[in-house]
């Protein structure tokens, strides 16, 4: 009788074992059973995969950014003695 797992404990353990992004979505769904939590986790996983795959697909068409060259030749430091308080 020492290994009795309640629905609430099982639900808590299930949610705690999820990836952070999926855990957040599951908690927002406020599941009351393991089945509800599993369904919410599956929906979240599908949605996150869809969004990330779309983002990867779209970034292929963005122009590649060149690394910035730091040119400090035109920068003039501000004279702090001019500022009045």
C-alpha atoms as a PDB file:
ATOM      1  CA  UNK A   1       0.000   0.000   0.000  1.00  0.00           C
ATOM      2  CA  UNK A   2       3.010   2.301   0.156  1.00  0.00           C
ATOM      3  CA  UNK A   3       3.119   2.894  -3.632  1.00  0.00           C
ATOM      4  CA  UNK A   4      -0.370   4.329  -4.008  1.00  0.00           C
ATOM      5  CA  UNK A   5      -0.273   7.027  -6.710  1.00  0.00           C
ATOM      6  CA  UNK A   6      -3.207   9.388  -6.814  1.00  0.00           C
ATOM      7  CA  UNK A   7      -4.480  11.023 -10.003  1.00  0.00           C
ATOM      8  CA  UNK A   8      -3.326  14.394  -8.673  1.00  0.00           C
ATOM      9  CA  UNK A   9       0.201  13.142  -7.965  1.00  0.00           C
ATOM     10  CA  UNK A  10       0.418  11.465 -11.369  1.00  0.00           C
ATOM     11  CA  UNK A  11      -0.816  14.640 -13.069  1.00  0.00           C
ATOM     12  CA  UNK A  12       1.770  16.730 -11.197  1.00  0.00           C
ATOM     13  CA  UNK A  13       4.602  14.327 -12.091  1.00  0.00           C
ATOM     14  CA  UNK A  14       3.530  14.241 -15.737  1.00  0.00           C
ATOM     15  CA  UNK A  15       3.444  18.030 -16.045  1.00  0.00           C
ATOM     16  CA  UNK A  16       6.760  18.454 -14.222  1.00  0.00           C
ATOM     17  CA  UNK A  17       8.430  16.092 -16.701  1.00  0.00           C
ATOM     18  CA  UNK A  18       7.454  18.123 -19.775  1.00  0.00           C
ATOM     19  CA  UNK A  19       9.697  20.492 -21.716  1.00  0.00           C
ATOM     20  CA  UNK A  20       9.304  24.063 -20.397  1.00  0.00           C
ATOM     21  CA  UNK A  21       7.439  25.428 -23.449  1.00  0.00           C
ATOM     22  CA  UNK A  22       5.024  22.500 -23.485  1.00  0.00           C
ATOM     23  CA  UNK A  23       4.644  22.597 -19.693  1.00  0.00           C
ATOM     24  CA  UNK A  24       3.547  26.241 -19.913  1.00  0.00           C
ATOM     25  CA  UNK A  25       0.896  25.423 -22.517  1.00  0.00           C
ATOM     26  CA  UNK A  26      -0.357  22.450 -20.500  1.00  0.00           C
ATOM     27  CA  UNK A  27      -0.600  24.517 -17.330  1.00  0.00           C
ATOM     28  CA  UNK A  28      -2.550  27.196 -19.220  1.00  0.00           C
ATOM     29  CA  UNK A  29      -5.016  24.492 -20.302  1.00  0.00           C
ATOM     30  CA  UNK A  30      -5.664  23.675 -16.610  1.00  0.00           C
ATOM     31  CA  UNK A  31      -6.065  19.913 -17.065  1.00  0.00           C
ATOM     32  CA  UNK A  32      -7.792  17.963 -14.313  1.00  0.00           C
ATOM     33  CA  UNK A  33      -6.876  14.484 -15.558  1.00  0.00           C
ATOM     34  CA  UNK A  34      -3.833  12.815 -17.072  1.00  0.00           C
ATOM     35  CA  UNK A  35      -5.776  12.384 -20.317  1.00  0.00           C
ATOM     36  CA  UNK A  36      -6.509  16.125 -20.485  1.00  0.00           C
ATOM     37  CA  UNK A  37      -2.848  16.892 -19.809  1.00  0.00           C
ATOM     38  CA  UNK A  38      -1.680  14.446 -22.483  1.00  0.00           C
ATOM     39  CA  UNK A  39      -4.029  15.970 -25.050  1.00  0.00           C
ATOM     40  CA  UNK A  40      -2.885  19.501 -24.168  1.00  0.00           C
ATOM     41  CA  UNK A  41       0.765  18.414 -24.426  1.00  0.00           C
ATOM     42  CA  UNK A  42       0.178  16.847 -27.836  1.00  0.00           C
ATOM     43  CA  UNK A  43      -1.579  20.000 -29.103  1.00  0.00           C
ATOM     44  CA  UNK A  44       1.270  22.128 -27.818  1.00  0.00           C
ATOM     45  CA  UNK A  45       3.912  19.911 -29.376  1.00  0.00           C
ATOM     46  CA  UNK A  46       2.173  19.966 -32.763  1.00  0.00           C
ATOM     47  CA  UNK A  47       1.735  23.746 -32.604  1.00  0.00           C
ATOM     48  CA  UNK A  48       5.353  24.340 -31.566  1.00  0.00           C
ATOM     49  CA  UNK A  49       6.624  22.053 -34.325  1.00  0.00           C
ATOM     50  CA  UNK A  50       4.436  23.775 -36.914  1.00  0.00           C
ATOM     51  CA  UNK A  51       5.623  27.241 -35.872  1.00  0.00           C
ATOM     52  CA  UNK A  52       9.303  26.270 -35.763  1.00  0.00           C
ATOM     53  CA  UNK A  53       9.170  24.472 -39.125  1.00  0.00           C
ATOM     54  CA  UNK A  54       7.438  27.476 -40.719  1.00  0.00           C
ATOM     55  CA  UNK A  55      10.051  29.812 -39.223  1.00  0.00           C
ATOM     56  CA  UNK A  56      12.884  27.642 -40.589  1.00  0.00           C
ATOM     57  CA  UNK A  57      11.226  27.595 -43.994  1.00  0.00           C
ATOM     58  CA  UNK A  58      10.741  31.367 -44.082  1.00  0.00           C
ATOM     59  CA  UNK A  59      14.257  32.223 -42.930  1.00  0.00           C
ATOM     60  CA  UNK A  60      15.677  30.540 -46.019  1.00  0.00           C
ATOM     61  CA  UNK A  61      14.348  33.473 -48.031  1.00  0.00           C
ATOM     62  CA  UNK A  62      15.735  36.246 -45.836  1.00  0.00           C
ATOM     63  CA  UNK A  63      18.909  37.954 -47.004  1.00  0.00           C
ATOM     64  CA  UNK A  64      21.952  36.819 -45.114  1.00  0.00           C
ATOM     65  CA  UNK A  65      23.330  39.489 -42.853  1.00  0.00           C
ATOM     66  CA  UNK A  66      26.989  40.282 -43.102  1.00  0.00           C
ATOM     67  CA  UNK A  67      28.884  40.646 -39.835  1.00  0.00           C
ATOM     68  CA  UNK A  68      29.036  44.267 -38.759  1.00  0.00           C
ATOM     69  CA  UNK A  69      32.315  46.034 -39.173  1.00  0.00           C
ATOM     70  CA  UNK A  70      32.982  48.303 -36.220  1.00  0.00           C
ATOM     71  CA  UNK A  71      34.091  51.647 -37.570  1.00  0.00           C
ATOM     72  CA  UNK A  72      34.622  54.084 -34.730  1.00  0.00           C
ATOM     73  CA  UNK A  73      36.230  56.752 -36.905  1.00  0.00           C
ATOM     74  CA  UNK A  74      33.120  58.954 -37.056  1.00  0.00           C
ATOM     75  CA  UNK A  75      32.210  58.746 -33.368  1.00  0.00           C
ATOM     76  CA  UNK A  76      32.924  61.801 -31.268  1.00  0.00           C
ATOM     77  CA  UNK A  77      32.736  61.459 -27.474  1.00  0.00           C
ATOM     78  CA  UNK A  78      30.283  63.719 -25.682  1.00  0.00           C
ATOM     79  CA  UNK A  79      31.756  66.522 -23.584  1.00  0.00           C
ATOM     80  CA  UNK A  80      30.431  65.839 -20.087  1.00  0.00           C
ATOM     81  CA  UNK A  81      31.614  69.219 -18.790  1.00  0.00           C
ATOM     82  CA  UNK A  82      28.962  70.952 -20.936  1.00  0.00           C
ATOM     83  CA  UNK A  83      26.036  69.230 -19.188  1.00  0.00           C
ATOM     84  CA  UNK A  84      24.565  71.385 -16.428  1.00  0.00           C
ATOM     85  CA  UNK A  85      22.479  70.098 -13.570  1.00  0.00           C
END
